[in-house]
Amino acid sequence: MTGAAGGIGRAICVALAEQGWDVAACDVATGLGETAAICERAGAKATALRWDVRDAAAGREAHAEAEAELGPVGAVVANAAVVDRVAPAESLAEDAWRSELEVNLTGAFLSLQPALAGMRERGGGRVVAISSTAATDGLAGQAAYAASKAGLLGLVRTLALELAPDGVTVNAVLPGMVATEKVEAMPGEVRERARGHVPLGRFATVDEVAAVVAFLCSEAASYVTGAWLPVDGGIGLSNLTLGRER
């Protein structure tokens, strides 16, 4: 589980621990030890692994360490991501573009890849990528982020096709606005404007996103693969009406 030091990533780790999984929590940020401790209190074995998802060799080493401590990797979740810059495409710096693609797309692939051969050999496994509604709906001012998250959807569909004969499912979860610390730190006017576009009238909790990931990693989702599941409160729906406003 990458991006596990806090927010959505920590919530997913805890949800999986409560479901009976042992958890390898991975991140470059501080807070990994706390995530692992919470998972252990939920009854799981857990380990904290610090590595950069852009580093292929470090990813392979982390997978090997996780298997040595916890056993074969039965599920892998690519969650680590950055969304640091807001700018119109014509003024987006090249390094900003490359940075988000390297973490959000290349980093996700390098996080998932080391687990795939073992899952094939064992005849089963779960792969989940955390994308975004920006992948399907676009997000003005965030061309790199939206492109990276859209790339994940193509990756998920391709892996689903490649791995299906071996009983491995591959799916994407597309959160909309989630009440993470970073979102709650945005200016109030920005939060209210965003909330006004959500038909359910509120942001998701991290636990609501984690519950969908836990479902995809469970036996209940054994026949679900190649799916893109939005967790967005209906924000991707058109609010166009030809009748009267309520």
C-alpha atoms as a PDB file:
ATOM      1  CA  MET A   1       0.000   0.000   0.000  1.00  0.00           C
ATOM      2  CA  THR A   2       1.719   3.181  -1.172  1.00  0.00           C
ATOM      3  CA  GLY A   3       0.993   6.693   0.053  1.00  0.00           C
ATOM      4  CA  ALA A   4       0.197   5.131   3.425  1.00  0.00           C
ATOM      5  CA  ALA A   5       1.490   7.743   5.868  1.00  0.00           C
ATOM      6  CA  GLY A   6      -1.870   9.488   6.233  1.00  0.00           C
ATOM      7  CA  GLY A   7      -5.142  10.516   4.631  1.00  0.00           C
ATOM      8  CA  ILE A   8      -6.732   8.106   2.157  1.00  0.00           C
ATOM      9  CA  GLY A   9      -3.722   5.790   2.232  1.00  0.00           C
ATOM     10  CA  ARG A  10      -3.809   5.292   5.990  1.00  0.00           C
ATOM     11  CA  ALA A  11      -7.559   4.753   5.924  1.00  0.00           C
ATOM     12  CA  ILE A  12      -7.143   2.049   3.267  1.00  0.00           C
ATOM     13  CA  CYS A  13      -4.448   0.310   5.316  1.00  0.00           C
ATOM     14  CA  VAL A  14      -6.724   0.242   8.363  1.00  0.00           C
ATOM     15  CA  ALA A  15      -9.732  -0.969   6.344  1.00  0.00           C
ATOM     16  CA  LEU A  16      -7.661  -3.814   4.907  1.00  0.00           C
ATOM     17  CA  ALA A  17      -6.270  -4.694   8.337  1.00  0.00           C
ATOM     18  CA  GLU A  18      -9.800  -4.877   9.723  1.00  0.00           C
ATOM     19  CA  GLN A  19     -10.709  -7.134   6.784  1.00  0.00           C
ATOM     20  CA  GLY A  20      -7.982  -9.576   7.786  1.00  0.00           C
ATOM     21  CA  TRP A  21      -5.060  -8.528   5.605  1.00  0.00           C
ATOM     22  CA  ASP A  22      -1.529  -8.100   6.907  1.00  0.00           C
ATOM     23  CA  VAL A  23      -0.297  -4.719   5.707  1.00  0.00           C
ATOM     24  CA  ALA A  24       2.933  -3.298   4.290  1.00  0.00           C
ATOM     25  CA  ALA A  25       2.513   0.488   4.611  1.00  0.00           C
ATOM     26  CA  CYS A  26       4.778   2.361   2.189  1.00  0.00           C
ATOM     27  CA  ASP A  27       5.574   6.074   1.792  1.00  0.00           C
ATOM     28  CA  VAL A  28       8.369   8.657   1.781  1.00  0.00           C
ATOM     29  CA  ALA A  29       6.519  10.843   4.298  1.00  0.00           C
ATOM     30  CA  THR A  30       6.568  10.642   8.081  1.00  0.00           C
ATOM     31  CA  GLY A  31       3.698   8.874   9.802  1.00  0.00           C
ATOM     32  CA  LEU A  32       4.303   5.352   8.527  1.00  0.00           C
ATOM     33  CA  GLY A  33       5.015   3.997  11.980  1.00  0.00           C
ATOM     34  CA  GLU A  34       1.696   5.305  13.260  1.00  0.00           C
ATOM     35  CA  THR A  35      -0.149   3.727  10.328  1.00  0.00           C
ATOM     36  CA  ALA A  36       1.482   0.370  11.029  1.00  0.00           C
ATOM     37  CA  ALA A  37       0.665   0.657  14.747  1.00  0.00           C
ATOM     38  CA  ILE A  38      -3.012   1.342  14.019  1.00  0.00           C
ATOM     39  CA  CYS A  39      -3.118  -1.695  11.715  1.00  0.00           C
ATOM     40  CA  GLU A  40      -1.593  -3.854  14.448  1.00  0.00           C
ATOM     41  CA  ARG A  41      -4.192  -2.664  16.941  1.00  0.00           C
ATOM     42  CA  ALA A  42      -6.786  -3.814  14.402  1.00  0.00           C
ATOM     43  CA  GLY A  43      -5.302  -7.302  14.644  1.00  0.00           C
ATOM     44  CA  ALA A  44      -3.014  -7.332  11.607  1.00  0.00           C
ATOM     45  CA  LYS A  45       0.679  -7.909  11.217  1.00  0.00           C
ATOM     46  CA  ALA A  46       2.113  -4.714   9.733  1.00  0.00           C
ATOM     47  CA  THR A  47       5.389  -3.292   8.543  1.00  0.00           C
ATOM     48  CA  ALA A  48       6.430   0.229   7.563  1.00  0.00           C
ATOM     49  CA  LEU A  49       8.585   0.583   4.443  1.00  0.00           C
ATOM     50  CA  ARG A  50      10.015   3.957   3.407  1.00  0.00           C
ATOM     51  CA  TRP A  51      10.773   4.285  -0.309  1.00  0.00           C
ATOM     52  CA  ASP A  52      10.205   6.565  -3.296  1.00  0.00           C
ATOM     53  CA  VAL A  53       7.750   5.157  -5.841  1.00  0.00           C
ATOM     54  CA  ARG A  54       9.813   6.690  -8.660  1.00  0.00           C
ATOM     55  CA  ASP A  55      12.696   4.356  -7.788  1.00  0.00           C
ATOM     56  CA  ALA A  56      12.203   0.999  -9.509  1.00  0.00           C
ATOM     57  CA  ALA A  57      14.983  -0.762  -7.608  1.00  0.00           C
ATOM     58  CA  ALA A  58      13.656   0.496  -4.272  1.00  0.00           C
ATOM     59  CA  GLY A  59      10.210  -0.775  -5.222  1.00  0.00           C
ATOM     60  CA  ARG A  60      11.513  -4.255  -5.934  1.00  0.00           C
ATOM     61  CA  GLU A  61      13.428  -4.269  -2.650  1.00  0.00           C
ATOM     62  CA  ALA A  62      10.336  -3.139  -0.743  1.00  0.00           C
ATOM     63  CA  HIS A  63       8.221  -5.920  -2.240  1.00  0.00           C
ATOM     64  CA  ALA A  64      10.896  -8.466  -1.327  1.00  0.00           C
ATOM     65  CA  GLU A  65      11.054  -7.121   2.245  1.00  0.00           C
ATOM     66  CA  ALA A  66       7.248  -7.179   2.547  1.00  0.00           C
ATOM     67  CA  GLU A  67       7.132 -10.808   1.406  1.00  0.00           C
ATOM     68  CA  ALA A  68       9.941 -11.763   3.780  1.00  0.00           C
ATOM     69  CA  GLU A  69       8.077 -10.245   6.738  1.00  0.00           C
ATOM     70  CA  LEU A  70       4.432 -10.889   5.842  1.00  0.00           C
ATOM     71  CA  GLY A  71       4.331 -13.588   3.170  1.00  0.00           C
ATOM     72  CA  PRO A  72       3.333 -13.448  -0.503  1.00  0.00           C
ATOM     73  CA  VAL A  73       1.737 -10.200  -1.681  1.00  0.00           C
ATOM     74  CA  GLY A  74      -1.924 -10.987  -2.334  1.00  0.00           C
ATOM     75  CA  ALA A  75      -3.068  -7.428  -2.993  1.00  0.00           C
ATOM     76  CA  VAL A  76      -1.270  -4.270  -4.015  1.00  0.00           C
ATOM     77  CA  VAL A  77      -2.724  -0.755  -3.954  1.00  0.00           C
ATOM     78  CA  ALA A  78      -1.077   2.166  -5.796  1.00  0.00           C
ATOM     79  CA  ASN A  79      -2.197   5.289  -3.967  1.00  0.00           C
ATOM     80  CA  ALA A  80       0.866   7.557  -3.747  1.00  0.00           C
ATOM     81  CA  ALA A  81       0.331  10.791  -5.675  1.00  0.00           C
ATOM     82  CA  VAL A  82       1.146  14.482  -5.780  1.00  0.00           C
ATOM     83  CA  VAL A  83      -1.061  17.367  -6.819  1.00  0.00           C
ATOM     84  CA  ASP A  84       1.109  20.373  -6.122  1.00  0.00           C
ATOM     85  CA  ARG A  85       0.550  22.882  -8.882  1.00  0.00           C
ATOM     86  CA  VAL A  86      -2.454  24.726 -10.236  1.00  0.00           C
ATOM     87  CA  ALA A  87      -1.768  26.593 -13.478  1.00  0.00           C
ATOM     88  CA  PRO A  88      -3.237  26.910 -16.969  1.00  0.00           C
ATOM     89  CA  ALA A  89      -1.618  24.510 -19.413  1.00  0.00           C
ATOM     90  CA  GLU A  90       0.123  27.247 -21.383  1.00  0.00           C
ATOM     91  CA  SER A  91       2.114  28.319 -18.319  1.00  0.00           C
ATOM     92  CA  LEU A  92       2.734  24.878 -16.787  1.00  0.00           C
ATOM     93  CA  ALA A  93       6.471  24.360 -16.370  1.00  0.00           C
ATOM     94  CA  GLU A  94       8.048  21.258 -17.888  1.00  0.00           C
ATOM     95  CA  ASP A  95       9.424  20.097 -14.545  1.00  0.00           C
ATOM     96  CA  ALA A  96       5.956  20.392 -13.001  1.00  0.00           C
ATOM     97  CA  TRP A  97       4.495  18.236 -15.763  1.00  0.00           C
ATOM     98  CA  ARG A  98       7.230  15.621 -15.436  1.00  0.00           C
ATOM     99  CA  SER A  99       7.052  15.547 -11.643  1.00  0.00           C
ATOM    100  CA  GLU A 100       3.365  14.669 -11.488  1.00  0.00           C
ATOM    101  CA  LEU A 101       3.586  12.104 -14.292  1.00  0.00           C
ATOM    102  CA  GLU A 102       6.601  10.442 -12.659  1.00  0.00           C
ATOM    103  CA  VAL A 103       4.916  10.030  -9.275  1.00  0.00           C
ATOM    104  CA  ASN A 104       1.278   9.525 -10.223  1.00  0.00           C
ATOM    105  CA  LEU A 105       1.655   7.326 -13.298  1.00  0.00           C
ATOM    106  CA  THR A 106       5.178   5.924 -13.574  1.00  0.00           C
ATOM    107  CA  GLY A 107       5.356   5.574  -9.792  1.00  0.00           C
ATOM    108  CA  ALA A 108       2.079   3.660  -9.743  1.00  0.00           C
ATOM    109  CA  PHE A 109       3.315   1.247 -12.407  1.00  0.00           C
ATOM    110  CA  LEU A 110       6.614   0.698 -10.598  1.00  0.00           C
ATOM    111  CA  SER A 111       4.686   0.076  -7.366  1.00  0.00           C
ATOM    112  CA  LEU A 112       2.442  -2.565  -8.920  1.00  0.00           C
ATOM    113  CA  GLN A 113       4.830  -4.319 -11.273  1.00  0.00           C
ATOM    114  CA  PRO A 114       6.899  -6.305  -8.731  1.00  0.00           C
ATOM    115  CA  ALA A 115       3.776  -8.052  -7.407  1.00  0.00           C
ATOM    116  CA  LEU A 116       2.406  -9.226 -10.739  1.00  0.00           C
ATOM    117  CA  ALA A 117       4.584 -12.255 -11.494  1.00  0.00           C
ATOM    118  CA  GLY A 118       3.955 -13.788  -8.066  1.00  0.00           C
ATOM    119  CA  MET A 119       0.205 -13.268  -8.381  1.00  0.00           C
ATOM    120  CA  ARG A 120       0.253 -15.009 -11.773  1.00  0.00           C
ATOM    121  CA  GLU A 121       2.179 -17.946 -10.381  1.00  0.00           C
ATOM    122  CA  ARG A 122      -0.172 -18.320  -7.399  1.00  0.00           C
ATOM    123  CA  GLY A 123      -3.269 -18.001  -9.578  1.00  0.00           C
ATOM    124  CA  GLY A 124      -4.870 -14.993  -7.913  1.00  0.00           C
ATOM    125  CA  GLY A 125      -4.509 -11.531  -6.486  1.00  0.00           C
ATOM    126  CA  ARG A 126      -5.954  -8.050  -6.273  1.00  0.00           C
ATOM    127  CA  VAL A 127      -4.558  -4.909  -7.898  1.00  0.00           C
ATOM    128  CA  VAL A 128      -6.109  -1.500  -7.214  1.00  0.00           C
ATOM    129  CA  ALA A 129      -5.008   1.902  -8.515  1.00  0.00           C
ATOM    130  CA  ILE A 130      -6.295   5.121  -6.954  1.00  0.00           C
ATOM    131  CA  SER A 131      -7.135   7.413  -9.854  1.00  0.00           C
ATOM    132  CA  SER A 132      -9.431  10.462  -9.711  1.00  0.00           C
ATOM    133  CA  THR A 133     -12.575  11.884 -11.250  1.00  0.00           C
ATOM    134  CA  ALA A 134     -10.151  14.307 -12.939  1.00  0.00           C
ATOM    135  CA  ALA A 135      -9.224  11.356 -15.188  1.00  0.00           C
ATOM    136  CA  THR A 136     -12.659  11.236 -16.783  1.00  0.00           C
ATOM    137  CA  ASP A 137     -14.012  14.755 -16.225  1.00  0.00           C
ATOM    138  CA  GLY A 138     -10.881  16.884 -16.532  1.00  0.00           C
ATOM    139  CA  LEU A 139      -9.783  19.492 -13.999  1.00  0.00           C
ATOM    140  CA  ALA A 140      -9.079  23.015 -15.171  1.00  0.00           C
ATOM    141  CA  GLY A 141      -5.660  24.232 -14.089  1.00  0.00           C
ATOM    142  CA  GLN A 142      -4.314  20.744 -13.434  1.00  0.00           C
ATOM    143  CA  ALA A 143      -3.414  19.266 -16.807  1.00  0.00           C
ATOM    144  CA  ALA A 144      -0.547  17.139 -15.478  1.00  0.00           C
ATOM    145  CA  TYR A 145      -2.574  15.675 -12.622  1.00  0.00           C
ATOM    146  CA  ALA A 146      -5.567  14.888 -14.848  1.00  0.00           C
ATOM    147  CA  ALA A 147      -3.349  13.334 -17.526  1.00  0.00           C
ATOM    148  CA  SER A 148      -1.503  11.182 -15.005  1.00  0.00           C
ATOM    149  CA  LYS A 149      -4.731   9.926 -13.461  1.00  0.00           C
ATOM    150  CA  ALA A 150      -6.226   9.235 -16.903  1.00  0.00           C
ATOM    151  CA  GLY A 151      -3.127   7.222 -17.764  1.00  0.00           C
ATOM    152  CA  LEU A 152      -3.850   4.988 -14.796  1.00  0.00           C
ATOM    153  CA  LEU A 153      -7.186   4.024 -16.306  1.00  0.00           C
ATOM    154  CA  GLY A 154      -5.530   2.747 -19.470  1.00  0.00           C
ATOM    155  CA  LEU A 155      -3.001   0.879 -17.351  1.00  0.00           C
ATOM    156  CA  VAL A 156      -5.758  -0.725 -15.274  1.00  0.00           C
ATOM    157  CA  ARG A 157      -7.721  -1.930 -18.293  1.00  0.00           C
ATOM    158  CA  THR A 158      -4.581  -3.366 -19.903  1.00  0.00           C
ATOM    159  CA  LEU A 159      -3.433  -5.157 -16.757  1.00  0.00           C
ATOM    160  CA  ALA A 160      -6.959  -6.497 -16.257  1.00  0.00           C
ATOM    161  CA  LEU A 161      -6.797  -8.123 -19.687  1.00  0.00           C
ATOM    162  CA  GLU A 162      -3.287  -9.487 -19.207  1.00  0.00           C
ATOM    163  CA  LEU A 163      -3.876 -10.922 -15.737  1.00  0.00           C
ATOM    164  CA  ALA A 164      -7.463 -12.205 -15.997  1.00  0.00           C
ATOM    165  CA  PRO A 165      -6.424 -15.688 -17.238  1.00  0.00           C
ATOM    166  CA  ASP A 166      -4.463 -16.107 -14.004  1.00  0.00           C
ATOM    167  CA  GLY A 167      -7.310 -15.066 -11.695  1.00  0.00           C
ATOM    168  CA  VAL A 168      -5.925 -11.622 -10.845  1.00  0.00           C
ATOM    169  CA  THR A 169      -8.375  -8.712 -10.787  1.00  0.00           C
ATOM    170  CA  VAL A 170      -7.310  -5.142 -11.558  1.00  0.00           C
ATOM    171  CA  ASN A 171      -9.510  -2.127 -10.844  1.00  0.00           C
ATOM    172  CA  ALA A 172      -9.391   1.634 -10.317  1.00  0.00           C
ATOM    173  CA  VAL A 173     -11.078   3.796  -7.698  1.00  0.00           C
ATOM    174  CA  LEU A 174     -11.855   7.389  -8.702  1.00  0.00           C
ATOM    175  CA  PRO A 175     -12.324   9.647  -5.678  1.00  0.00           C
ATOM    176  CA  GLY A 176     -13.864  13.050  -6.127  1.00  0.00           C
ATOM    177  CA  MET A 177     -13.496  15.665  -3.387  1.00  0.00           C
ATOM    178  CA  VAL A 178     -12.349  13.993  -0.177  1.00  0.00           C
ATOM    179  CA  ALA A 179     -12.049  15.707   3.201  1.00  0.00           C
ATOM    180  CA  THR A 180      -8.312  15.155   3.617  1.00  0.00           C
ATOM    181  CA  GLU A 181      -6.091  17.513   5.579  1.00  0.00           C
ATOM    182  CA  LYS A 182      -4.931  19.141   2.340  1.00  0.00           C
ATOM    183  CA  VAL A 183      -8.501  19.748   1.162  1.00  0.00           C
ATOM    184  CA  GLU A 184      -9.580  21.075   4.561  1.00  0.00           C
ATOM    185  CA  ALA A 185      -6.632  23.481   4.453  1.00  0.00           C
ATOM    186  CA  MET A 186      -7.885  25.111   1.242  1.00  0.00           C
ATOM    187  CA  PRO A 187      -9.465  28.572   1.534  1.00  0.00           C
ATOM    188  CA  GLY A 188     -13.064  28.370   2.719  1.00  0.00           C
ATOM    189  CA  GLU A 189     -14.391  30.019  -0.430  1.00  0.00           C
ATOM    190  CA  VAL A 190     -12.708  27.381  -2.584  1.00  0.00           C
ATOM    191  CA  ARG A 191     -14.091  24.529  -0.459  1.00  0.00           C
ATOM    192  CA  GLU A 192     -17.607  25.922  -0.569  1.00  0.00           C
ATOM    193  CA  ARG A 193     -17.482  26.382  -4.334  1.00  0.00           C
ATOM    194  CA  ALA A 194     -16.318  22.802  -4.774  1.00  0.00           C
ATOM    195  CA  ARG A 195     -18.932  21.476  -2.344  1.00  0.00           C
ATOM    196  CA  GLY A 196     -21.612  23.280  -4.320  1.00  0.00           C
ATOM    197  CA  HIS A 197     -20.839  21.073  -7.326  1.00  0.00           C
ATOM    198  CA  VAL A 198     -21.377  17.823  -5.400  1.00  0.00           C
ATOM    199  CA  PRO A 199     -24.969  16.562  -5.720  1.00  0.00           C
ATOM    200  CA  LEU A 200     -24.758  14.864  -2.316  1.00  0.00           C
ATOM    201  CA  GLY A 201     -23.737  18.215  -0.869  1.00  0.00           C
ATOM    202  CA  ARG A 202     -20.611  17.120   1.005  1.00  0.00           C
ATOM    203  CA  PHE A 203     -17.098  15.777   0.543  1.00  0.00           C
ATOM    204  CA  ALA A 204     -16.285  12.088   1.002  1.00  0.00           C
ATOM    205  CA  THR A 205     -14.577  10.879   4.128  1.00  0.00           C
ATOM    206  CA  VAL A 206     -11.342   8.940   3.738  1.00  0.00           C
ATOM    207  CA  ASP A 207     -13.124   5.925   5.228  1.00  0.00           C
ATOM    208  CA  GLU A 208     -15.711   5.974   2.430  1.00  0.00           C
ATOM    209  CA  VAL A 209     -12.955   5.728  -0.164  1.00  0.00           C
ATOM    210  CA  ALA A 210     -11.166   3.045   1.845  1.00  0.00           C
ATOM    211  CA  ALA A 211     -14.327   0.945   2.039  1.00  0.00           C
ATOM    212  CA  VAL A 212     -14.506   0.723  -1.757  1.00  0.00           C
ATOM    213  CA  VAL A 213     -10.867  -0.359  -1.972  1.00  0.00           C
ATOM    214  CA  ALA A 214     -11.462  -2.969   0.720  1.00  0.00           C
ATOM    215  CA  PHE A 215     -14.429  -4.283  -1.275  1.00  0.00           C
ATOM    216  CA  LEU A 216     -12.293  -4.618  -4.409  1.00  0.00           C
ATOM    217  CA  CYS A 217      -9.701  -6.571  -2.411  1.00  0.00           C
ATOM    218  CA  SER A 218     -12.327  -8.914  -0.964  1.00  0.00           C
ATOM    219  CA  GLU A 219     -13.842 -12.153  -2.206  1.00  0.00           C
ATOM    220  CA  ALA A 220     -17.089 -10.245  -2.789  1.00  0.00           C
ATOM    221  CA  ALA A 221     -15.376  -8.554  -5.761  1.00  0.00           C
ATOM    222  CA  SER A 222     -13.941 -11.733  -7.270  1.00  0.00           C
ATOM    223  CA  TYR A 223     -15.798 -11.163 -10.566  1.00  0.00           C
ATOM    224  CA  VAL A 224     -15.027  -7.438 -10.839  1.00  0.00           C
ATOM    225  CA  THR A 225     -12.075  -6.525 -13.052  1.00  0.00           C
ATOM    226  CA  GLY A 226     -11.180  -3.682 -15.394  1.00  0.00           C
ATOM    227  CA  ALA A 227     -13.670  -1.455 -13.563  1.00  0.00           C
ATOM    228  CA  TRP A 228     -13.424   2.257 -12.791  1.00  0.00           C
ATOM    229  CA  LEU A 229     -15.423   2.965  -9.642  1.00  0.00           C
ATOM    230  CA  PRO A 230     -16.138   6.644  -8.903  1.00  0.00           C
ATOM    231  CA  VAL A 231     -16.485   7.633  -5.257  1.00  0.00           C
ATOM    232  CA  ASP A 232     -17.549  11.189  -5.934  1.00  0.00           C
ATOM    233  CA  GLY A 233     -20.983  11.946  -4.486  1.00  0.00           C
ATOM    234  CA  GLY A 234     -22.296  12.367  -8.026  1.00  0.00           C
ATOM    235  CA  ILE A 235     -19.912  15.187  -8.970  1.00  0.00           C
ATOM    236  CA  GLY A 236     -19.339  13.574 -12.370  1.00  0.00           C
ATOM    237  CA  LEU A 237     -23.022  13.865 -13.253  1.00  0.00           C
ATOM    238  CA  SER A 238     -24.247  16.697 -15.440  1.00  0.00           C
ATOM    239  CA  ASN A 239     -26.223  19.340 -13.547  1.00  0.00           C
ATOM    240  CA  LEU A 240     -27.846  20.605 -16.724  1.00  0.00           C
ATOM    241  CA  THR A 241     -31.618  20.962 -16.497  1.00  0.00           C
ATOM    242  CA  LEU A 242     -34.140  22.037 -19.115  1.00  0.00           C
ATOM    243  CA  GLY A 243     -36.854  22.341 -16.513  1.00  0.00           C
ATOM    244  CA  ARG A 244     -37.187  24.599 -13.517  1.00  0.00           C
ATOM    245  CA  GLU A 245     -34.542  24.749 -10.855  1.00  0.00           C
ATOM    246  CA  ARG A 246     -35.743  23.276  -7.592  1.00  0.00           C
END
